[in-house]
PDB file of N, CA and C in Angstrom:
ATOM      1  N   MET A   1       1.576  -5.775 -18.650  1.00  0.00           N
ATOM      2  CA  MET A   1       1.649  -6.076 -17.238  1.00  0.00           C
ATOM      3  C   MET A   1       2.599  -5.102 -16.556  1.00  0.00           C
ATOM      4  N   SER A   2       2.144  -4.572 -15.452  1.00  0.00           N
ATOM      5  CA  SER A   2       2.902  -3.550 -14.736  1.00  0.00           C
ATOM      6  C   SER A   2       3.566  -4.114 -13.483  1.00  0.00           C
ATOM      7  N   THR A   3       4.688  -3.530 -13.133  1.00  0.00           N
ATOM      8  CA  THR A   3       5.382  -3.874 -11.894  1.00  0.00           C
ATOM      9  C   THR A   3       4.620  -3.272 -10.720  1.00  0.00           C
ATOM     10  N   VAL A   4       4.509  -4.030  -9.643  1.00  0.00           N
ATOM     11  CA  VAL A   4       3.839  -3.534  -8.447  1.00  0.00           C
ATOM     12  C   VAL A   4       4.676  -2.417  -7.832  1.00  0.00           C
ATOM     13  N   GLN A   5       4.000  -1.314  -7.514  1.00  0.00           N
ATOM     14  CA  GLN A   5       4.601  -0.202  -6.783  1.00  0.00           C
ATOM     15  C   GLN A   5       3.743   0.027  -5.548  1.00  0.00           C
ATOM     16  N   PHE A   6       4.323   0.500  -4.480  1.00  0.00           N
ATOM     17  CA  PHE A   6       3.650   0.544  -3.191  1.00  0.00           C
ATOM     18  C   PHE A   6       3.535   1.968  -2.641  1.00  0.00           C
ATOM     19  N   PHE A   7       2.517   2.132  -1.779  1.00  0.00           N
ATOM     20  CA  PHE A   7       2.286   3.403  -1.105  1.00  0.00           C
ATOM     21  C   PHE A   7       1.819   3.105   0.316  1.00  0.00           C
ATOM     22  N   CYS A   8       2.506   3.667   1.306  1.00  0.00           N
ATOM     23  CA  CYS A   8       2.193   3.451   2.724  1.00  0.00           C
ATOM     24  C   CYS A   8       1.477   4.665   3.309  1.00  0.00           C
ATOM     25  N   ASP A   9       0.423   4.407   4.074  1.00  0.00           N
ATOM     26  CA  ASP A   9      -0.203   5.522   4.781  1.00  0.00           C
ATOM     27  C   ASP A   9       0.543   5.785   6.078  1.00  0.00           C
ATOM     28  N   GLU A  10       0.070   6.751   6.859  1.00  0.00           N
ATOM     29  CA  GLU A  10       0.830   7.139   8.047  1.00  0.00           C
ATOM     30  C   GLU A  10       0.678   6.161   9.211  1.00  0.00           C
ATOM     31  N   ASN A  11      -0.143   5.125   9.058  1.00  0.00           N
ATOM     32  CA  ASN A  11      -0.241   4.083  10.077  1.00  0.00           C
ATOM     33  C   ASN A  11       0.877   3.054   9.948  1.00  0.00           C
ATOM     34  N   VAL A  12       1.584   3.082   8.842  1.00  0.00           N
ATOM     35  CA  VAL A  12       2.685   2.154   8.591  1.00  0.00           C
ATOM     36  C   VAL A  12       3.972   2.784   9.127  1.00  0.00           C
ATOM     37  N   PRO A  13       4.746   2.035   9.905  1.00  0.00           N
ATOM     38  CA  PRO A  13       6.007   2.600  10.419  1.00  0.00           C
ATOM     39  C   PRO A  13       6.897   3.095   9.274  1.00  0.00           C
ATOM     40  N   GLU A  14       7.423   4.283   9.433  1.00  0.00           N
ATOM     41  CA  GLU A  14       8.238   4.881   8.371  1.00  0.00           C
ATOM     42  C   GLU A  14       9.463   4.042   8.031  1.00  0.00           C
ATOM     43  N   GLN A  15       9.973   3.292   8.995  1.00  0.00           N
ATOM     44  CA  GLN A  15      11.166   2.495   8.712  1.00  0.00           C
ATOM     45  C   GLN A  15      10.878   1.336   7.758  1.00  0.00           C
ATOM     46  N   LEU A  16       9.606   0.982   7.543  1.00  0.00           N
ATOM     47  CA  LEU A  16       9.301  -0.124   6.637  1.00  0.00           C
ATOM     48  C   LEU A  16       9.759   0.191   5.218  1.00  0.00           C
ATOM     49  N   ALA A  17       9.424   1.357   4.706  1.00  0.00           N
ATOM     50  CA  ALA A  17       9.826   1.714   3.338  1.00  0.00           C
ATOM     51  C   ALA A  17      11.349   1.724   3.208  1.00  0.00           C
ATOM     52  N   ASP A  18      12.030   2.276   4.190  1.00  0.00           N
ATOM     53  CA  ASP A  18      13.500   2.294   4.157  1.00  0.00           C
ATOM     54  C   ASP A  18      14.071   0.881   4.159  1.00  0.00           C
ATOM     55  N   ALA A  19      13.481  -0.004   4.967  1.00  0.00           N
ATOM     56  CA  ALA A  19      13.970  -1.379   5.055  1.00  0.00           C
ATOM     57  C   ALA A  19      13.733  -2.140   3.750  1.00  0.00           C
ATOM     58  N   VAL A  20      12.600  -1.872   3.094  1.00  0.00           N
ATOM     59  CA  VAL A  20      12.311  -2.526   1.807  1.00  0.00           C
ATOM     60  C   VAL A  20      13.341  -2.103   0.768  1.00  0.00           C
ATOM     61  N   VAL A  21      13.568  -0.803   0.658  1.00  0.00           N
ATOM     62  CA  VAL A  21      14.505  -0.290  -0.348  1.00  0.00           C
ATOM     63  C   VAL A  21      15.942  -0.715  -0.030  1.00  0.00           C
ATOM     64  N   ALA A  22      16.282  -0.820   1.241  1.00  0.00           N
ATOM     65  CA  ALA A  22      17.626  -1.276   1.606  1.00  0.00           C
ATOM     66  C   ALA A  22      17.870  -2.704   1.142  1.00  0.00           C
ATOM     67  N   LYS A  23      16.823  -3.520   1.191  1.00  0.00           N
ATOM     68  CA  LYS A  23      16.967  -4.917   0.792  1.00  0.00           C
ATOM     69  C   LYS A  23      16.790  -5.112  -0.709  1.00  0.00           C
ATOM     70  N   GLU A  24      15.928  -4.289  -1.325  1.00  0.00           N
ATOM     71  CA  GLU A  24      15.693  -4.388  -2.774  1.00  0.00           C
ATOM     72  C   GLU A  24      15.534  -2.973  -3.338  1.00  0.00           C
ATOM     73  N   PRO A  25      16.639  -2.345  -3.745  1.00  0.00           N
ATOM     74  CA  PRO A  25      16.619  -0.944  -4.183  1.00  0.00           C
ATOM     75  C   PRO A  25      15.731  -0.648  -5.390  1.00  0.00           C
ATOM     76  N   ALA A  26      15.367  -1.652  -6.165  1.00  0.00           N
ATOM     77  CA  ALA A  26      14.547  -1.409  -7.361  1.00  0.00           C
ATOM     78  C   ALA A  26      13.072  -1.190  -7.049  1.00  0.00           C
ATOM     79  N   ILE A  27      12.646  -1.493  -5.839  1.00  0.00           N
ATOM     80  CA  ILE A  27      11.232  -1.363  -5.480  1.00  0.00           C
ATOM     81  C   ILE A  27      10.868   0.109  -5.281  1.00  0.00           C
ATOM     82  N   VAL A  28       9.727   0.487  -5.838  1.00  0.00           N
ATOM     83  CA  VAL A  28       9.169   1.819  -5.614  1.00  0.00           C
ATOM     84  C   VAL A  28       8.179   1.696  -4.458  1.00  0.00           C
ATOM     85  N   ILE A  29       8.460   2.418  -3.370  1.00  0.00           N
ATOM     86  CA  ILE A  29       7.578   2.404  -2.202  1.00  0.00           C
ATOM     87  C   ILE A  29       7.579   3.802  -1.599  1.00  0.00           C
ATOM     88  N   GLY A  30       6.440   4.454  -1.683  1.00  0.00           N
ATOM     89  CA  GLY A  30       6.295   5.810  -1.172  1.00  0.00           C
ATOM     90  C   GLY A  30       5.572   5.824   0.159  1.00  0.00           C
ATOM     91  N   GLN A  31       5.616   6.963   0.809  1.00  0.00           N
ATOM     92  CA  GLN A  31       5.023   7.127   2.134  1.00  0.00           C
ATOM     93  C   GLN A  31       4.273   8.442   2.176  1.00  0.00           C
ATOM     94  N   VAL A  32       3.083   8.420   2.764  1.00  0.00           N
ATOM     95  CA  VAL A  32       2.346   9.659   2.948  1.00  0.00           C
ATOM     96  C   VAL A  32       3.238  10.642   3.707  1.00  0.00           C
ATOM     97  N   GLY A  33       3.196  11.882   3.307  1.00  0.00           N
ATOM     98  CA  GLY A  33       4.022  12.899   3.946  1.00  0.00           C
ATOM     99  C   GLY A  33       5.360  13.119   3.281  1.00  0.00           C
ATOM    100  N   GLN A  34       5.707  12.263   2.316  1.00  0.00           N
ATOM    101  CA  GLN A  34       6.964  12.431   1.577  1.00  0.00           C
ATOM    102  C   GLN A  34       6.630  12.733   0.122  1.00  0.00           C
ATOM    103  N   ALA A  35       7.140  13.835  -0.383  1.00  0.00           N
ATOM    104  CA  ALA A  35       6.847  14.245  -1.763  1.00  0.00           C
ATOM    105  C   ALA A  35       7.173  13.113  -2.725  1.00  0.00           C
ATOM    106  N   PRO A  36       6.371  12.915  -3.727  1.00  0.00           N
ATOM    107  CA  PRO A  36       5.215  13.699  -4.169  1.00  0.00           C
ATOM    108  C   PRO A  36       3.891  13.244  -3.560  1.00  0.00           C
ATOM    109  N   ALA A  37       3.914  12.386  -2.561  1.00  0.00           N
ATOM    110  CA  ALA A  37       2.691  11.874  -1.937  1.00  0.00           C
ATOM    111  C   ALA A  37       1.963  12.982  -1.181  1.00  0.00           C
ATOM    112  N   PRO A  38       0.682  12.777  -0.918  1.00  0.00           N
ATOM    113  CA  PRO A  38      -0.069  13.757  -0.115  1.00  0.00           C
ATOM    114  C   PRO A  38       0.537  13.902   1.281  1.00  0.00           C
ATOM    115  N   PRO A  39       0.244  15.010   1.948  1.00  0.00           N
ATOM    116  CA  PRO A  39       0.772  15.233   3.295  1.00  0.00           C
ATOM    117  C   PRO A  39       0.112  14.331   4.332  1.00  0.00           C
ATOM    118  N   LYS A  40       0.760  14.203   5.492  1.00  0.00           N
ATOM    119  CA  LYS A  40       0.157  13.476   6.599  1.00  0.00           C
ATOM    120  C   LYS A  40      -1.179  14.123   6.960  1.00  0.00           C
ATOM    121  N   GLN A  41      -2.056  13.332   7.520  1.00  0.00           N
ATOM    122  CA  GLN A  41      -3.405  13.728   7.925  1.00  0.00           C
ATOM    123  C   GLN A  41      -4.342  13.944   6.732  1.00  0.00           C
ATOM    124  N   THR A  42      -3.920  13.508   5.534  1.00  0.00           N
ATOM    125  CA  THR A  42      -4.831  13.527   4.392  1.00  0.00           C
ATOM    126  C   THR A  42      -5.888  12.460   4.646  1.00  0.00           C
ATOM    127  N   PRO A  43      -7.162  12.773   4.425  1.00  0.00           N
ATOM    128  CA  PRO A  43      -8.216  11.779   4.655  1.00  0.00           C
ATOM    129  C   PRO A  43      -8.014  10.523   3.796  1.00  0.00           C
ATOM    130  N   ASP A  44      -8.386   9.380   4.372  1.00  0.00           N
ATOM    131  CA  ASP A  44      -8.204   8.101   3.695  1.00  0.00           C
ATOM    132  C   ASP A  44      -8.817   8.051   2.285  1.00  0.00           C
ATOM    133  N   PRO A  45     -10.033   8.572   2.067  1.00  0.00           N
ATOM    134  CA  PRO A  45     -10.568   8.523   0.704  1.00  0.00           C
ATOM    135  C   PRO A  45      -9.670   9.235  -0.320  1.00  0.00           C
ATOM    136  N   GLU A  46      -9.035  10.327   0.092  1.00  0.00           N
ATOM    137  CA  GLU A  46      -8.115  11.024  -0.810  1.00  0.00           C
ATOM    138  C   GLU A  46      -6.860  10.194  -1.069  1.00  0.00           C
ATOM    139  N   LEU A  47      -6.386   9.486  -0.043  1.00  0.00           N
ATOM    140  CA  LEU A  47      -5.215   8.618  -0.215  1.00  0.00           C
ATOM    141  C   LEU A  47      -5.533   7.482  -1.183  1.00  0.00           C
ATOM    142  N   LEU A  48      -6.730   6.933  -1.089  1.00  0.00           N
ATOM    143  CA  LEU A  48      -7.126   5.876  -2.027  1.00  0.00           C
ATOM    144  C   LEU A  48      -7.179   6.410  -3.458  1.00  0.00           C
ATOM    145  N   ARG A  49      -7.683   7.629  -3.637  1.00  0.00           N
ATOM    146  CA  ARG A  49      -7.717   8.218  -4.988  1.00  0.00           C
ATOM    147  C   ARG A  49      -6.301   8.469  -5.500  1.00  0.00           C
ATOM    148  N   TYR A  50      -5.397   8.926  -4.625  1.00  0.00           N
ATOM    149  CA  TYR A  50      -4.004   9.133  -5.016  1.00  0.00           C
ATOM    150  C   TYR A  50      -3.368   7.814  -5.446  1.00  0.00           C
ATOM    151  N   ALA A  51      -3.557   6.771  -4.646  1.00  0.00           N
ATOM    152  CA  ALA A  51      -2.983   5.462  -4.973  1.00  0.00           C
ATOM    153  C   ALA A  51      -3.558   4.939  -6.290  1.00  0.00           C
ATOM    154  N   GLU A  52      -4.839   5.122  -6.494  1.00  0.00           N
ATOM    155  CA  GLU A  52      -5.458   4.682  -7.747  1.00  0.00           C
ATOM    156  C   GLU A  52      -4.868   5.430  -8.938  1.00  0.00           C
ATOM    157  N   ALA A  53      -4.794   6.743  -8.848  1.00  0.00           N
ATOM    158  CA  ALA A  53      -4.306   7.566  -9.955  1.00  0.00           C
ATOM    159  C   ALA A  53      -2.851   7.257 -10.299  1.00  0.00           C
ATOM    160  N   ASN A  54      -2.085   6.816  -9.314  1.00  0.00           N
ATOM    161  CA  ASN A  54      -0.656   6.558  -9.519  1.00  0.00           C
ATOM    162  C   ASN A  54      -0.309   5.073  -9.604  1.00  0.00           C
ATOM    163  N   GLN A  55      -1.339   4.241  -9.685  1.00  0.00           N
ATOM    164  CA  GLN A  55      -1.174   2.784  -9.821  1.00  0.00           C
ATOM    165  C   GLN A  55      -0.301   2.197  -8.717  1.00  0.00           C
ATOM    166  N   LEU A  56      -0.664   2.535  -7.467  1.00  0.00           N
ATOM    167  CA  LEU A  56       0.100   2.104  -6.304  1.00  0.00           C
ATOM    168  C   LEU A  56      -0.711   1.141  -5.448  1.00  0.00           C
ATOM    169  N   LEU A  57      -0.096   0.051  -5.050  1.00  0.00           N
ATOM    170  CA  LEU A  57      -0.702  -0.865  -4.097  1.00  0.00           C
ATOM    171  C   LEU A  57      -0.607  -0.188  -2.732  1.00  0.00           C
ATOM    172  N   PHE A  58      -1.726  -0.090  -2.042  1.00  0.00           N
ATOM    173  CA  PHE A  58      -1.842   0.683  -0.811  1.00  0.00           C
ATOM    174  C   PHE A  58      -1.583  -0.204   0.401  1.00  0.00           C
ATOM    175  N   LEU A  59      -0.662   0.208   1.268  1.00  0.00           N
ATOM    176  CA  LEU A  59      -0.328  -0.524   2.491  1.00  0.00           C
ATOM    177  C   LEU A  59      -0.781   0.285   3.698  1.00  0.00           C
ATOM    178  N   THR A  60      -1.483  -0.373   4.637  1.00  0.00           N
ATOM    179  CA  THR A  60      -1.985   0.308   5.823  1.00  0.00           C
ATOM    180  C   THR A  60      -2.093  -0.659   6.992  1.00  0.00           C
ATOM    181  N   ARG A  61      -2.096  -0.117   8.180  1.00  0.00           N
ATOM    182  CA  ARG A  61      -2.391  -0.904   9.390  1.00  0.00           C
ATOM    183  C   ARG A  61      -3.774  -0.537   9.925  1.00  0.00           C
ATOM    184  N   ASP A  62      -4.498   0.272   9.197  1.00  0.00           N
ATOM    185  CA  ASP A  62      -5.801   0.758   9.636  1.00  0.00           C
ATOM    186  C   ASP A  62      -6.896  -0.254   9.294  1.00  0.00           C
ATOM    187  N   LYS A  63      -7.026  -1.268  10.133  1.00  0.00           N
ATOM    188  CA  LYS A  63      -8.024  -2.310   9.891  1.00  0.00           C
ATOM    189  C   LYS A  63      -9.414  -1.876  10.343  1.00  0.00           C
ATOM    190  N   LYS A  64      -9.486  -0.793  11.106  1.00  0.00           N
ATOM    191  CA  LYS A  64     -10.765  -0.345  11.652  1.00  0.00           C
ATOM    192  C   LYS A  64     -11.598   0.397  10.600  1.00  0.00           C
ATOM    193  N   THR A  65     -11.014   1.374   9.933  1.00  0.00           N
ATOM    194  CA  THR A  65     -11.811   2.184   9.006  1.00  0.00           C
ATOM    195  C   THR A  65     -11.479   1.957   7.529  1.00  0.00           C
ATOM    196  N   MET A  66     -10.269   1.467   7.232  1.00  0.00           N
ATOM    197  CA  MET A  66      -9.879   1.352   5.826  1.00  0.00           C
ATOM    198  C   MET A  66     -10.762   0.396   5.027  1.00  0.00           C
ATOM    199  N   PRO A  67     -11.159  -0.777   5.548  1.00  0.00           N
ATOM    200  CA  PRO A  67     -12.030  -1.635   4.739  1.00  0.00           C
ATOM    201  C   PRO A  67     -13.319  -0.936   4.303  1.00  0.00           C
ATOM    202  N   GLY A  68     -13.893  -0.128   5.177  1.00  0.00           N
ATOM    203  CA  GLY A  68     -15.092   0.631   4.810  1.00  0.00           C
ATOM    204  C   GLY A  68     -14.805   1.665   3.742  1.00  0.00           C
ATOM    205  N   HIS A  69     -13.668   2.349   3.859  1.00  0.00           N
ATOM    206  CA  HIS A  69     -13.293   3.335   2.840  1.00  0.00           C
ATOM    207  C   HIS A  69     -13.055   2.659   1.489  1.00  0.00           C
ATOM    208  N   VAL A  70     -12.420   1.485   1.518  1.00  0.00           N
ATOM    209  CA  VAL A  70     -12.172   0.755   0.269  1.00  0.00           C
ATOM    210  C   VAL A  70     -13.502   0.339  -0.353  1.00  0.00           C
ATOM    211  N   ALA A  71     -14.419  -0.185   0.458  1.00  0.00           N
ATOM    212  CA  ALA A  71     -15.726  -0.603  -0.053  1.00  0.00           C
ATOM    213  C   ALA A  71     -16.468   0.577  -0.681  1.00  0.00           C
ATOM    214  N   GLN A  72     -16.420   1.724  -0.034  1.00  0.00           N
ATOM    215  CA  GLN A  72     -17.080   2.913  -0.573  1.00  0.00           C
ATOM    216  C   GLN A  72     -16.392   3.367  -1.860  1.00  0.00           C
ATOM    217  N   HIS A  73     -15.084   3.323  -1.891  1.00  0.00           N
ATOM    218  CA  HIS A  73     -14.293   3.695  -3.062  1.00  0.00           C
ATOM    219  C   HIS A  73     -14.702   2.826  -4.257  1.00  0.00           C
ATOM    220  N   LEU A  74     -14.768   1.526  -4.032  1.00  0.00           N
ATOM    221  CA  LEU A  74     -15.130   0.597  -5.110  1.00  0.00           C
ATOM    222  C   LEU A  74     -16.591   0.744  -5.520  1.00  0.00           C
ATOM    223  N   SER A  75     -17.483   0.951  -4.556  1.00  0.00           N
ATOM    224  CA  SER A  75     -18.908   1.062  -4.887  1.00  0.00           C
ATOM    225  C   SER A  75     -19.223   2.344  -5.651  1.00  0.00           C
ATOM    226  N   SER A  76     -18.325   3.325  -5.578  1.00  0.00           N
ATOM    227  CA  SER A  76     -18.534   4.561  -6.337  1.00  0.00           C
ATOM    228  C   SER A  76     -17.991   4.455  -7.760  1.00  0.00           C
ATOM    229  N   GLY A  77     -17.563   3.239  -8.149  1.00  0.00           N
ATOM    230  CA  GLY A  77     -17.070   3.023  -9.509  1.00  0.00           C
ATOM    231  C   GLY A  77     -15.577   3.227  -9.672  1.00  0.00           C
ATOM    232  N   ARG A  78     -14.901   3.464  -8.581  1.00  0.00           N
ATOM    233  CA  ARG A  78     -13.451   3.649  -8.634  1.00  0.00           C
ATOM    234  C   ARG A  78     -12.763   2.296  -8.503  1.00  0.00           C
ATOM    235  N   HIS A  79     -11.456   2.284  -8.558  1.00  0.00           N
ATOM    236  CA  HIS A  79     -10.688   1.045  -8.476  1.00  0.00           C
ATOM    237  C   HIS A  79      -9.492   1.234  -7.562  1.00  0.00           C
ATOM    238  N   THR A  80      -8.884   0.115  -7.176  1.00  0.00           N
ATOM    239  CA  THR A  80      -7.623   0.144  -6.439  1.00  0.00           C
ATOM    240  C   THR A  80      -6.633  -0.739  -7.179  1.00  0.00           C
ATOM    241  N   TRP A  81      -5.386  -0.554  -6.872  1.00  0.00           N
ATOM    242  CA  TRP A  81      -4.309  -1.432  -7.360  1.00  0.00           C
ATOM    243  C   TRP A  81      -3.935  -2.393  -6.250  1.00  0.00           C
ATOM    244  N   GLY A  82      -4.894  -2.637  -5.375  1.00  0.00           N
ATOM    245  CA  GLY A  82      -4.731  -3.534  -4.249  1.00  0.00           C
ATOM    246  C   GLY A  82      -4.543  -2.762  -2.960  1.00  0.00           C
ATOM    247  N   VAL A  83      -5.072  -3.330  -1.889  1.00  0.00           N
ATOM    248  CA  VAL A  83      -4.911  -2.771  -0.552  1.00  0.00           C
ATOM    249  C   VAL A  83      -4.510  -3.931   0.355  1.00  0.00           C
ATOM    250  N   PHE A  84      -3.427  -3.750   1.089  1.00  0.00           N
ATOM    251  CA  PHE A  84      -2.995  -4.753   2.056  1.00  0.00           C
ATOM    252  C   PHE A  84      -3.062  -4.160   3.449  1.00  0.00           C
ATOM    253  N   LEU A  85      -3.749  -4.879   4.335  1.00  0.00           N
ATOM    254  CA  LEU A  85      -3.793  -4.526   5.747  1.00  0.00           C
ATOM    255  C   LEU A  85      -2.636  -5.254   6.423  1.00  0.00           C
ATOM    256  N   LEU A  86      -1.731  -4.510   6.995  1.00  0.00           N
ATOM    257  CA  LEU A  86      -0.544  -5.087   7.622  1.00  0.00           C
ATOM    258  C   LEU A  86      -0.862  -5.455   9.065  1.00  0.00           C
ATOM    259  N   ARG A  87      -0.580  -6.676   9.420  1.00  0.00           N
ATOM    260  CA  ARG A  87      -0.826  -7.133  10.789  1.00  0.00           C
ATOM    261  C   ARG A  87       0.149  -6.434  11.739  1.00  0.00           C
ATOM    262  N   ARG A  88      -0.384  -5.895  12.809  1.00  0.00           N
ATOM    263  CA  ARG A  88       0.457  -5.207  13.800  1.00  0.00           C
ATOM    264  C   ARG A  88       1.446  -6.158  14.456  1.00  0.00           C
ATOM    265  N   SER A  89       1.103  -7.435  14.486  1.00  0.00           N
ATOM    266  CA  SER A  89       1.984  -8.418  15.116  1.00  0.00           C
ATOM    267  C   SER A  89       3.162  -8.817  14.218  1.00  0.00           C
ATOM    268  N   ALA A  90       3.105  -8.438  12.951  1.00  0.00           N
ATOM    269  CA  ALA A  90       4.178  -8.814  12.016  1.00  0.00           C
ATOM    270  C   ALA A  90       5.412  -7.954  12.255  1.00  0.00           C
ATOM    271  N   SER A  91       6.553  -8.588  12.192  1.00  0.00           N
ATOM    272  CA  SER A  91       7.806  -7.844  12.333  1.00  0.00           C
ATOM    273  C   SER A  91       8.100  -7.080  11.043  1.00  0.00           C
ATOM    274  N   ILE A  92       8.933  -6.068  11.152  1.00  0.00           N
ATOM    275  CA  ILE A  92       9.356  -5.320   9.971  1.00  0.00           C
ATOM    276  C   ILE A  92      10.019  -6.272   8.973  1.00  0.00           C
ATOM    277  N   ALA A  93      10.863  -7.186   9.470  1.00  0.00           N
ATOM    278  CA  ALA A  93      11.553  -8.138   8.588  1.00  0.00           C
ATOM    279  C   ALA A  93      10.561  -9.014   7.821  1.00  0.00           C
ATOM    280  N   ASP A  94       9.502  -9.486   8.496  1.00  0.00           N
ATOM    281  CA  ASP A  94       8.499 -10.308   7.820  1.00  0.00           C
ATOM    282  C   ASP A  94       7.735  -9.502   6.775  1.00  0.00           C
ATOM    283  N   LEU A  95       7.414  -8.264   7.102  1.00  0.00           N
ATOM    284  CA  LEU A  95       6.711  -7.406   6.138  1.00  0.00           C
ATOM    285  C   LEU A  95       7.594  -7.108   4.931  1.00  0.00           C
ATOM    286  N   VAL A  96       8.868  -6.838   5.170  1.00  0.00           N
ATOM    287  CA  VAL A  96       9.806  -6.586   4.066  1.00  0.00           C
ATOM    288  C   VAL A  96       9.841  -7.788   3.140  1.00  0.00           C
ATOM    289  N   ASP A  97       9.984  -8.973   3.694  1.00  0.00           N
ATOM    290  CA  ASP A  97      10.034 -10.185   2.871  1.00  0.00           C
ATOM    291  C   ASP A  97       8.745 -10.378   2.078  1.00  0.00           C
ATOM    292  N   ALA A  98       7.608 -10.132   2.707  1.00  0.00           N
ATOM    293  CA  ALA A  98       6.322 -10.291   2.017  1.00  0.00           C
ATOM    294  C   ALA A  98       6.171  -9.276   0.882  1.00  0.00           C
ATOM    295  N   ILE A  99       6.576  -8.035   1.121  1.00  0.00           N
ATOM    296  CA  ILE A  99       6.485  -6.997   0.083  1.00  0.00           C
ATOM    297  C   ILE A  99       7.398  -7.344  -1.087  1.00  0.00           C
ATOM    298  N   ILE A 100       8.597  -7.799  -0.802  1.00  0.00           N
ATOM    299  CA  ILE A 100       9.519  -8.177  -1.877  1.00  0.00           C
ATOM    300  C   ILE A 100       8.967  -9.366  -2.662  1.00  0.00           C
ATOM    301  N   LEU A 101       8.344 -10.300  -1.987  1.00  0.00           N
ATOM    302  CA  LEU A 101       7.743 -11.440  -2.684  1.00  0.00           C
ATOM    303  C   LEU A 101       6.618 -10.979  -3.614  1.00  0.00           C
ATOM    304  N   ILE A 102       5.750 -10.111  -3.131  1.00  0.00           N
ATOM    305  CA  ILE A 102       4.668  -9.587  -3.976  1.00  0.00           C
ATOM    306  C   ILE A 102       5.253  -8.883  -5.188  1.00  0.00           C
ATOM    307  N   TRP A 103       6.250  -8.053  -4.969  1.00  0.00           N
ATOM    308  CA  TRP A 103       6.880  -7.286  -6.045  1.00  0.00           C
ATOM    309  C   TRP A 103       7.533  -8.201  -7.082  1.00  0.00           C
ATOM    310  N   SER A 104       8.192  -9.256  -6.608  1.00  0.00           N
ATOM    311  CA  SER A 104       8.957 -10.101  -7.521  1.00  0.00           C
ATOM    312  C   SER A 104       8.124 -11.187  -8.196  1.00  0.00           C
ATOM    313  N   ALA A 105       7.003 -11.565  -7.604  1.00  0.00           N
ATOM    314  CA  ALA A 105       6.267 -12.728  -8.113  1.00  0.00           C
ATOM    315  C   ALA A 105       4.886 -12.411  -8.674  1.00  0.00           C
ATOM    316  N   SER A 106       4.534 -11.133  -8.786  1.00  0.00           N
ATOM    317  CA  SER A 106       3.205 -10.802  -9.297  1.00  0.00           C
ATOM    318  C   SER A 106       3.265  -9.509 -10.104  1.00  0.00           C
ATOM    319  N   THR A 107       2.143  -9.194 -10.720  1.00  0.00           N
ATOM    320  CA  THR A 107       2.026  -7.933 -11.454  1.00  0.00           C
ATOM    321  C   THR A 107       0.994  -7.057 -10.757  1.00  0.00           C
ATOM    322  N   ALA A 108       1.047  -5.784 -11.039  1.00  0.00           N
ATOM    323  CA  ALA A 108       0.114  -4.841 -10.422  1.00  0.00           C
ATOM    324  C   ALA A 108      -1.337  -5.217 -10.727  1.00  0.00           C
ATOM    325  N   GLU A 109      -1.582  -5.671 -11.926  1.00  0.00           N
ATOM    326  CA  GLU A 109      -2.949  -5.991 -12.339  1.00  0.00           C
ATOM    327  C   GLU A 109      -3.559  -7.134 -11.519  1.00  0.00           C
ATOM    328  N   GLU A 110      -2.736  -8.008 -10.982  1.00  0.00           N
ATOM    329  CA  GLU A 110      -3.245  -9.141 -10.203  1.00  0.00           C
ATOM    330  C   GLU A 110      -3.922  -8.722  -8.903  1.00  0.00           C
ATOM    331  N   TRP A 111      -3.612  -7.542  -8.400  1.00  0.00           N
ATOM    332  CA  TRP A 111      -4.127  -7.100  -7.105  1.00  0.00           C
ATOM    333  C   TRP A 111      -5.280  -6.108  -7.226  1.00  0.00           C
ATOM    334  N   GLN A 112      -5.660  -5.755  -8.442  1.00  0.00           N
ATOM    335  CA  GLN A 112      -6.692  -4.737  -8.633  1.00  0.00           C
ATOM    336  C   GLN A 112      -7.969  -5.081  -7.873  1.00  0.00           C
ATOM    337  N   ASP A 113      -8.475  -4.084  -7.170  1.00  0.00           N
ATOM    338  CA  ASP A 113      -9.746  -4.132  -6.457  1.00  0.00           C
ATOM    339  C   ASP A 113      -9.814  -5.213  -5.373  1.00  0.00           C
ATOM    340  N   GLN A 114      -8.676  -5.636  -4.860  1.00  0.00           N
ATOM    341  CA  GLN A 114      -8.624  -6.625  -3.787  1.00  0.00           C
ATOM    342  C   GLN A 114      -8.138  -5.971  -2.495  1.00  0.00           C
ATOM    343  N   ILE A 115      -8.631  -6.512  -1.393  1.00  0.00           N
ATOM    344  CA  ILE A 115      -8.116  -6.126  -0.082  1.00  0.00           C
ATOM    345  C   ILE A 115      -7.712  -7.421   0.616  1.00  0.00           C
ATOM    346  N   ASN A 116      -6.472  -7.459   1.115  1.00  0.00           N
ATOM    347  CA  ASN A 116      -5.881  -8.658   1.697  1.00  0.00           C
ATOM    348  C   ASN A 116      -5.105  -8.311   2.962  1.00  0.00           C
ATOM    349  N   TRP A 117      -4.791  -9.343   3.721  1.00  0.00           N
ATOM    350  CA  TRP A 117      -3.935  -9.210   4.903  1.00  0.00           C
ATOM    351  C   TRP A 117      -2.514  -9.571   4.553  1.00  0.00           C
ATOM    352  N   LEU A 118      -1.583  -8.919   5.198  1.00  0.00           N
ATOM    353  CA  LEU A 118      -0.166  -9.202   4.991  1.00  0.00           C
ATOM    354  C   LEU A 118       0.540  -9.234   6.330  1.00  0.00           C
ATOM    355  N   PRO A 119       1.375 -10.144   6.643  1.00  0.00           N
ATOM    356  CA  PRO A 119       1.431 -11.486   6.046  1.00  0.00           C
ATOM    357  C   PRO A 119       0.282 -12.334   6.533  1.00  0.00           C
TER     358      PRO A 119
END
């Protein structure tokens, strides 16, 4: 069983990753545009492949196109370590608490090939 690790696309406010690590320094949470992650403006299908290859749960606010990209990713025989669509109405504090709860109370394998809303 693996520990959940996270990856944020560029639709997620950059301060979210900083706030998560400030509250729980042991959490691994990367952001597009920060090494070793792909650069900003990388197409979503490539970000999904990166997250899959690195066993990262993918966090995004892109509710418009990401579900379609995830469906295509899965239908092509690929997998995810989970995808969470972050509600725009959620505060940074609520998202931090939800991410820490996922990290502390579940394993990476529990989220495979699922797409969910957070919170």
